[in-house]
Amino acid sequence: MRTDSEAGQISVLVLGLALIAFAVAGVAIDGTRAFLFRRALQDVADAAALGGAGELDRQAYYRSGGRSVAVDDRAALSQVSRILAVRGLEASAMIRVDDDAVAVVLRGEVPTTFLGVVGIAHIPVATEARAAPFGGAPR
């Protein structure tokens, strides 16, 4: 026979298990969404860095007979910005262009669904890509 001191213990247990179930579902679902968003950011960062690295300083290239390859800073920055705008991902971008390479860092957030129950509203996501031009005859 139950006493009054045991009343409601099952409710607390069920509530605790439900919270754990939501947390596990949150890791699975929200974690997968963050992983897929990171992959999308990485794809865009790779494309932007490669596109920017393809913008060569043509005068330096032709003067050296193809031995010296450098990135045209303004053309590379313009190309990277154009690629990022076309893809339209909600992320902040940091673009670094020098003579040797183009680097693109993208940072964004994924709003959570289930992890919000345990106090996590957003998952931060960041990626980086770097590409450099290369000279010489194709093989």
N, C-alpha and C. Protein backbone atom coordinates (compact mmCIF):
# COMPACT_ATOMS: atom_id res chain seq x y z
N MET A 1 0.83 -1.17 0.00
CA MET A 1 0.00 0.00 0.00
C MET A 1 0.89 1.25 0.00
N ARG A 2 0.53 2.28 -0.85
CA ARG A 2 1.32 3.50 -0.95
C ARG A 2 0.94 4.48 0.15
N THR A 3 1.95 5.19 0.54
CA THR A 3 1.69 6.26 1.52
C THR A 3 1.70 7.60 0.81
N ASP A 4 1.26 8.63 1.48
CA ASP A 4 1.21 9.97 0.88
C ASP A 4 2.59 10.49 0.52
N SER A 5 3.65 10.03 1.16
CA SER A 5 5.00 10.51 0.87
C SER A 5 5.51 9.99 -0.47
N GLU A 6 4.91 8.95 -1.02
CA GLU A 6 5.35 8.39 -2.31
C GLU A 6 4.53 8.94 -3.47
N ALA A 7 3.50 9.66 -3.23
CA ALA A 7 2.65 10.18 -4.30
C ALA A 7 3.42 11.18 -5.15
N GLY A 8 3.35 11.03 -6.46
CA GLY A 8 4.00 11.94 -7.39
C GLY A 8 5.41 11.56 -7.78
N GLN A 9 5.97 10.51 -7.20
CA GLN A 9 7.34 10.12 -7.55
C GLN A 9 7.43 9.62 -8.98
N ILE A 10 6.41 8.95 -9.46
CA ILE A 10 6.41 8.48 -10.84
C ILE A 10 6.38 9.67 -11.80
N SER A 11 5.64 10.69 -11.45
CA SER A 11 5.57 11.89 -12.30
C SER A 11 6.94 12.54 -12.43
N VAL A 12 7.68 12.63 -11.35
CA VAL A 12 9.02 13.21 -11.39
C VAL A 12 9.94 12.34 -12.24
N LEU A 13 9.82 11.02 -12.11
CA LEU A 13 10.64 10.10 -12.90
C LEU A 13 10.32 10.23 -14.38
N VAL A 14 9.05 10.28 -14.72
CA VAL A 14 8.63 10.42 -16.12
C VAL A 14 9.11 11.76 -16.68
N LEU A 15 8.99 12.80 -15.91
CA LEU A 15 9.46 14.12 -16.35
C LEU A 15 10.96 14.11 -16.59
N GLY A 16 11.71 13.50 -15.70
CA GLY A 16 13.16 13.40 -15.86
C GLY A 16 13.54 12.59 -17.09
N LEU A 17 12.86 11.49 -17.32
CA LEU A 17 13.14 10.67 -18.51
C LEU A 17 12.76 11.40 -19.80
N ALA A 18 11.67 12.16 -19.75
CA ALA A 18 11.28 12.95 -20.93
C ALA A 18 12.34 14.00 -21.25
N LEU A 19 12.89 14.64 -20.23
CA LEU A 19 13.95 15.63 -20.44
C LEU A 19 15.18 14.98 -21.06
N ILE A 20 15.54 13.82 -20.57
CA ILE A 20 16.68 13.08 -21.14
C ILE A 20 16.39 12.69 -22.58
N ALA A 21 15.16 12.24 -22.87
CA ALA A 21 14.80 11.87 -24.24
C ALA A 21 14.88 13.07 -25.18
N PHE A 22 14.42 14.25 -24.71
CA PHE A 22 14.52 15.45 -25.54
C PHE A 22 15.97 15.85 -25.77
N ALA A 23 16.81 15.70 -24.77
CA ALA A 23 18.23 16.03 -24.92
C ALA A 23 18.89 15.10 -25.93
N VAL A 24 18.59 13.80 -25.87
CA VAL A 24 19.17 12.84 -26.83
C VAL A 24 18.65 13.13 -28.23
N ALA A 25 17.35 13.41 -28.35
CA ALA A 25 16.79 13.76 -29.66
C ALA A 25 17.41 15.06 -30.17
N GLY A 26 17.66 15.98 -29.26
CA GLY A 26 18.29 17.25 -29.64
C GLY A 26 19.68 17.06 -30.18
N VAL A 27 20.45 16.21 -29.53
CA VAL A 27 21.81 15.94 -30.02
C VAL A 27 21.74 15.29 -31.40
N ALA A 28 20.81 14.36 -31.57
CA ALA A 28 20.69 13.67 -32.85
C ALA A 28 20.18 14.61 -33.95
N ILE A 29 19.09 15.29 -33.70
CA ILE A 29 18.46 16.10 -34.74
C ILE A 29 19.19 17.43 -34.94
N ASP A 30 19.37 18.18 -33.87
CA ASP A 30 20.04 19.48 -33.99
C ASP A 30 21.51 19.31 -34.35
N GLY A 31 22.14 18.26 -33.85
CA GLY A 31 23.53 17.99 -34.22
C GLY A 31 23.67 17.66 -35.70
N THR A 32 22.73 16.92 -36.23
CA THR A 32 22.74 16.61 -37.67
C THR A 32 22.52 17.86 -38.49
N ARG A 33 21.60 18.72 -38.06
CA ARG A 33 21.39 19.98 -38.78
C ARG A 33 22.65 20.84 -38.77
N ALA A 34 23.34 20.89 -37.64
CA ALA A 34 24.59 21.66 -37.56
C ALA A 34 25.66 21.05 -38.46
N PHE A 35 25.75 19.72 -38.49
CA PHE A 35 26.72 19.04 -39.34
C PHE A 35 26.44 19.33 -40.82
N LEU A 36 25.18 19.27 -41.23
CA LEU A 36 24.83 19.54 -42.63
C LEU A 36 25.08 21.01 -42.99
N PHE A 37 24.81 21.92 -42.06
CA PHE A 37 25.08 23.34 -42.31
C PHE A 37 26.58 23.58 -42.44
N ARG A 38 27.36 22.89 -41.61
CA ARG A 38 28.81 23.02 -41.70
C ARG A 38 29.32 22.52 -43.05
N ARG A 39 28.77 21.42 -43.53
CA ARG A 39 29.15 20.91 -44.86
C ARG A 39 28.81 21.91 -45.95
N ALA A 40 27.63 22.53 -45.86
CA ALA A 40 27.24 23.53 -46.85
C ALA A 40 28.17 24.73 -46.80
N LEU A 41 28.52 25.19 -45.59
CA LEU A 41 29.47 26.30 -45.46
C LEU A 41 30.83 25.92 -46.03
N GLN A 42 31.28 24.69 -45.76
CA GLN A 42 32.58 24.26 -46.26
C GLN A 42 32.59 24.22 -47.78
N ASP A 43 31.51 23.73 -48.39
CA ASP A 43 31.42 23.70 -49.85
C ASP A 43 31.52 25.10 -50.44
N VAL A 44 30.81 26.05 -49.84
CA VAL A 44 30.83 27.42 -50.33
C VAL A 44 32.20 28.05 -50.11
N ALA A 45 32.81 27.81 -48.95
CA ALA A 45 34.14 28.37 -48.67
C ALA A 45 35.17 27.80 -49.65
N ASP A 46 35.09 26.51 -49.92
CA ASP A 46 36.01 25.89 -50.89
C ASP A 46 35.84 26.50 -52.28
N ALA A 47 34.59 26.62 -52.72
CA ALA A 47 34.33 27.19 -54.05
C ALA A 47 34.81 28.64 -54.14
N ALA A 48 34.56 29.41 -53.09
CA ALA A 48 34.96 30.82 -53.10
C ALA A 48 36.49 30.95 -53.10
N ALA A 49 37.17 30.15 -52.29
CA ALA A 49 38.64 30.23 -52.24
C ALA A 49 39.24 29.80 -53.58
N LEU A 50 38.71 28.74 -54.16
CA LEU A 50 39.23 28.29 -55.47
C LEU A 50 38.95 29.32 -56.55
N GLY A 51 37.75 29.89 -56.53
CA GLY A 51 37.43 30.93 -57.51
C GLY A 51 38.33 32.14 -57.38
N GLY A 52 38.59 32.55 -56.15
CA GLY A 52 39.48 33.68 -55.92
C GLY A 52 40.91 33.39 -56.31
N ALA A 53 41.38 32.18 -56.03
CA ALA A 53 42.76 31.81 -56.37
C ALA A 53 42.97 31.72 -57.88
N GLY A 54 41.89 31.56 -58.61
CA GLY A 54 42.00 31.51 -60.07
C GLY A 54 42.14 32.88 -60.72
N GLU A 55 41.97 33.94 -59.95
CA GLU A 55 42.10 35.30 -60.47
C GLU A 55 43.57 35.71 -60.38
N LEU A 56 44.30 35.44 -61.43
CA LEU A 56 45.74 35.68 -61.43
C LEU A 56 46.09 37.11 -61.85
N ASP A 57 47.23 37.56 -61.37
CA ASP A 57 47.81 38.81 -61.84
C ASP A 57 48.42 38.49 -63.20
N ARG A 58 47.67 38.79 -64.25
CA ARG A 58 48.08 38.38 -65.60
C ARG A 58 49.36 39.06 -66.07
N GLN A 59 49.54 40.32 -65.69
CA GLN A 59 50.76 41.03 -66.11
C GLN A 59 52.00 40.35 -65.54
N ALA A 60 51.97 40.03 -64.25
CA ALA A 60 53.12 39.35 -63.63
C ALA A 60 53.32 37.97 -64.24
N TYR A 61 52.25 37.30 -64.55
CA TYR A 61 52.33 35.95 -65.13
C TYR A 61 52.98 35.99 -66.51
N TYR A 62 52.52 36.90 -67.37
CA TYR A 62 53.05 36.95 -68.73
C TYR A 62 54.47 37.52 -68.76
N ARG A 63 54.78 38.47 -67.86
CA ARG A 63 56.14 39.02 -67.81
C ARG A 63 57.15 37.94 -67.45
N SER A 64 56.74 37.01 -66.58
CA SER A 64 57.67 35.97 -66.13
C SER A 64 57.65 34.74 -67.02
N GLY A 65 56.84 34.77 -68.06
CA GLY A 65 56.76 33.60 -68.93
C GLY A 65 56.06 32.42 -68.25
N GLY A 66 55.20 32.70 -67.28
CA GLY A 66 54.46 31.65 -66.60
C GLY A 66 55.16 31.08 -65.38
N ARG A 67 56.35 31.57 -65.07
CA ARG A 67 57.08 31.04 -63.91
C ARG A 67 56.60 31.67 -62.60
N SER A 68 56.13 32.90 -62.65
CA SER A 68 55.67 33.58 -61.44
C SER A 68 54.15 33.67 -61.47
N VAL A 69 53.54 33.13 -60.44
CA VAL A 69 52.08 33.15 -60.35
C VAL A 69 51.69 33.86 -59.07
N ALA A 70 50.87 34.90 -59.22
CA ALA A 70 50.39 35.65 -58.06
C ALA A 70 48.91 35.94 -58.24
N VAL A 71 48.23 36.13 -57.14
CA VAL A 71 46.81 36.43 -57.16
C VAL A 71 46.61 37.93 -57.34
N ASP A 72 45.68 38.30 -58.21
CA ASP A 72 45.27 39.70 -58.36
C ASP A 72 44.30 39.99 -57.21
N ASP A 73 44.73 40.81 -56.26
CA ASP A 73 43.98 41.03 -55.02
C ASP A 73 42.54 41.51 -55.27
N ARG A 74 42.40 42.55 -56.08
CA ARG A 74 41.06 43.11 -56.30
C ARG A 74 40.15 42.15 -57.05
N ALA A 75 40.67 41.50 -58.08
CA ALA A 75 39.85 40.55 -58.85
C ALA A 75 39.47 39.35 -57.99
N ALA A 76 40.40 38.89 -57.16
CA ALA A 76 40.11 37.74 -56.29
C ALA A 76 39.04 38.10 -55.27
N LEU A 77 39.16 39.26 -54.65
CA LEU A 77 38.18 39.70 -53.66
C LEU A 77 36.80 39.84 -54.30
N SER A 78 36.76 40.39 -55.49
CA SER A 78 35.50 40.54 -56.21
C SER A 78 34.88 39.18 -56.54
N GLN A 79 35.71 38.25 -56.99
CA GLN A 79 35.23 36.91 -57.35
C GLN A 79 34.70 36.17 -56.11
N VAL A 80 35.44 36.23 -55.02
CA VAL A 80 35.00 35.58 -53.77
C VAL A 80 33.69 36.18 -53.30
N SER A 81 33.58 37.49 -53.32
CA SER A 81 32.35 38.15 -52.89
C SER A 81 31.17 37.76 -53.77
N ARG A 82 31.41 37.64 -55.06
CA ARG A 82 30.35 37.26 -56.00
C ARG A 82 29.87 35.82 -55.72
N ILE A 83 30.81 34.91 -55.49
CA ILE A 83 30.44 33.51 -55.21
C ILE A 83 29.66 33.42 -53.90
N LEU A 84 30.10 34.14 -52.87
CA LEU A 84 29.39 34.11 -51.59
C LEU A 84 27.99 34.69 -51.72
N ALA A 85 27.83 35.75 -52.51
CA ALA A 85 26.52 36.37 -52.69
C ALA A 85 25.57 35.44 -53.44
N VAL A 86 26.08 34.74 -54.43
CA VAL A 86 25.23 33.83 -55.21
C VAL A 86 24.74 32.68 -54.35
N ARG A 87 25.59 32.16 -53.48
CA ARG A 87 25.20 31.03 -52.64
C ARG A 87 24.21 31.43 -51.55
N GLY A 88 24.28 32.66 -51.08
CA GLY A 88 23.29 33.21 -50.17
C GLY A 88 23.12 32.52 -48.82
N LEU A 89 24.16 31.93 -48.30
CA LEU A 89 24.06 31.34 -46.97
C LEU A 89 24.11 32.43 -45.90
N GLU A 90 23.38 32.22 -44.83
CA GLU A 90 23.40 33.20 -43.74
C GLU A 90 24.61 32.93 -42.86
N ALA A 91 25.69 33.59 -43.20
CA ALA A 91 26.94 33.43 -42.46
C ALA A 91 27.77 34.69 -42.65
N SER A 92 28.61 34.97 -41.68
CA SER A 92 29.54 36.09 -41.82
C SER A 92 30.81 35.55 -42.48
N ALA A 93 31.43 36.38 -43.28
CA ALA A 93 32.61 35.95 -44.03
C ALA A 93 33.80 36.84 -43.70
N MET A 94 34.95 36.20 -43.61
CA MET A 94 36.21 36.91 -43.51
C MET A 94 37.05 36.43 -44.69
N ILE A 95 37.47 37.36 -45.52
CA ILE A 95 38.23 37.03 -46.72
C ILE A 95 39.61 37.63 -46.60
N ARG A 96 40.63 36.81 -46.83
CA ARG A 96 42.01 37.29 -46.77
C ARG A 96 42.67 36.93 -48.10
N VAL A 97 43.15 37.93 -48.81
CA VAL A 97 43.79 37.72 -50.11
C VAL A 97 45.19 38.30 -50.05
N ASP A 98 46.17 37.51 -50.45
CA ASP A 98 47.52 38.02 -50.63
C ASP A 98 48.06 37.44 -51.94
N ASP A 99 49.31 37.73 -52.24
CA ASP A 99 49.89 37.26 -53.51
C ASP A 99 49.92 35.74 -53.61
N ASP A 100 50.03 35.07 -52.48
CA ASP A 100 50.22 33.63 -52.49
C ASP A 100 48.94 32.81 -52.44
N ALA A 101 47.88 33.33 -51.81
CA ALA A 101 46.70 32.50 -51.60
C ALA A 101 45.48 33.34 -51.26
N VAL A 102 44.35 32.65 -51.27
CA VAL A 102 43.07 33.23 -50.87
C VAL A 102 42.52 32.36 -49.74
N ALA A 103 42.15 33.01 -48.64
CA ALA A 103 41.57 32.28 -47.51
C ALA A 103 40.17 32.84 -47.23
N VAL A 104 39.23 31.93 -47.01
CA VAL A 104 37.85 32.31 -46.73
C VAL A 104 37.42 31.61 -45.45
N VAL A 105 36.95 32.40 -44.48
CA VAL A 105 36.44 31.85 -43.23
C VAL A 105 34.96 32.23 -43.15
N LEU A 106 34.11 31.24 -42.95
CA LEU A 106 32.68 31.47 -42.82
C LEU A 106 32.22 31.03 -41.44
N ARG A 107 31.39 31.87 -40.81
CA ARG A 107 30.85 31.56 -39.49
C ARG A 107 29.34 31.78 -39.51
N GLY A 108 28.63 30.82 -38.94
CA GLY A 108 27.17 30.92 -38.88
C GLY A 108 26.65 30.23 -37.64
N GLU A 109 25.35 30.22 -37.51
CA GLU A 109 24.68 29.58 -36.38
C GLU A 109 23.50 28.77 -36.89
N VAL A 110 23.24 27.68 -36.21
CA VAL A 110 22.07 26.87 -36.50
C VAL A 110 21.14 26.99 -35.30
N PRO A 111 19.92 27.50 -35.50
CA PRO A 111 18.98 27.54 -34.38
C PRO A 111 18.56 26.12 -34.02
N THR A 112 18.43 25.85 -32.76
CA THR A 112 18.09 24.50 -32.32
C THR A 112 16.59 24.36 -32.13
N THR A 113 16.16 23.13 -32.16
CA THR A 113 14.76 22.81 -31.92
C THR A 113 14.62 22.11 -30.57
N PHE A 114 15.22 20.95 -30.47
CA PHE A 114 15.10 20.15 -29.24
C PHE A 114 16.08 20.59 -28.16
N LEU A 115 17.27 21.03 -28.54
CA LEU A 115 18.25 21.43 -27.54
C LEU A 115 17.84 22.70 -26.81
N GLY A 116 16.87 23.42 -27.35
CA GLY A 116 16.35 24.59 -26.67
C GLY A 116 15.72 24.24 -25.33
N VAL A 117 15.25 23.00 -25.22
CA VAL A 117 14.65 22.54 -23.96
C VAL A 117 15.68 22.53 -22.84
N VAL A 118 16.94 22.25 -23.18
CA VAL A 118 17.99 22.20 -22.16
C VAL A 118 18.83 23.48 -22.15
N GLY A 119 18.34 24.54 -22.82
CA GLY A 119 18.98 25.85 -22.73
C GLY A 119 19.98 26.18 -23.82
N ILE A 120 20.07 25.38 -24.88
CA ILE A 120 20.98 25.68 -25.98
C ILE A 120 20.15 26.19 -27.15
N ALA A 121 20.22 27.49 -27.43
CA ALA A 121 19.38 28.10 -28.47
C ALA A 121 20.01 28.03 -29.85
N HIS A 122 21.35 28.08 -29.93
CA HIS A 122 22.04 28.09 -31.21
C HIS A 122 23.30 27.24 -31.12
N ILE A 123 23.68 26.65 -32.26
CA ILE A 123 24.94 25.93 -32.34
C ILE A 123 25.84 26.71 -33.30
N PRO A 124 26.99 27.21 -32.83
CA PRO A 124 27.89 27.94 -33.72
C PRO A 124 28.62 26.98 -34.67
N VAL A 125 28.80 27.42 -35.91
CA VAL A 125 29.46 26.61 -36.93
C VAL A 125 30.45 27.50 -37.67
N ALA A 126 31.65 26.99 -37.92
CA ALA A 126 32.66 27.76 -38.65
C ALA A 126 33.46 26.84 -39.55
N THR A 127 33.86 27.37 -40.70
CA THR A 127 34.71 26.62 -41.62
C THR A 127 35.76 27.56 -42.21
N GLU A 128 36.79 26.97 -42.74
CA GLU A 128 37.85 27.75 -43.38
C GLU A 128 38.34 27.00 -44.61
N ALA A 129 38.61 27.75 -45.67
CA ALA A 129 39.17 27.17 -46.88
C ALA A 129 40.30 28.08 -47.36
N ARG A 130 41.31 27.46 -47.92
CA ARG A 130 42.46 28.20 -48.44
C ARG A 130 42.85 27.59 -49.76
N ALA A 131 43.09 28.45 -50.75
CA ALA A 131 43.50 27.96 -52.07
C ALA A 131 44.61 28.86 -52.59
N ALA A 132 45.51 28.24 -53.31
CA ALA A 132 46.65 28.98 -53.87
C ALA A 132 46.79 28.63 -55.34
N PRO A 133 47.16 29.62 -56.16
CA PRO A 133 47.40 29.30 -57.57
C PRO A 133 48.72 28.56 -57.72
N PHE A 134 48.86 27.85 -58.80
CA PHE A 134 50.12 27.17 -59.07
C PHE A 134 50.49 27.41 -60.53
N GLY A 135 51.76 27.49 -60.78
CA GLY A 135 52.24 27.77 -62.13
C GLY A 135 52.81 26.55 -62.80
N GLY A 136 53.35 26.80 -63.95
CA GLY A 136 53.94 25.72 -64.70
C GLY A 136 52.95 25.12 -65.68
N ALA A 137 53.47 24.24 -66.50
CA ALA A 137 52.65 23.60 -67.51
C ALA A 137 51.78 22.52 -66.87
N PRO A 138 50.54 22.38 -67.34
CA PRO A 138 49.70 21.31 -66.79
C PRO A 138 50.27 19.93 -67.11
N ARG A 139 50.02 19.00 -66.22
CA ARG A 139 50.53 17.64 -66.44
C ARG A 139 49.45 16.74 -66.91
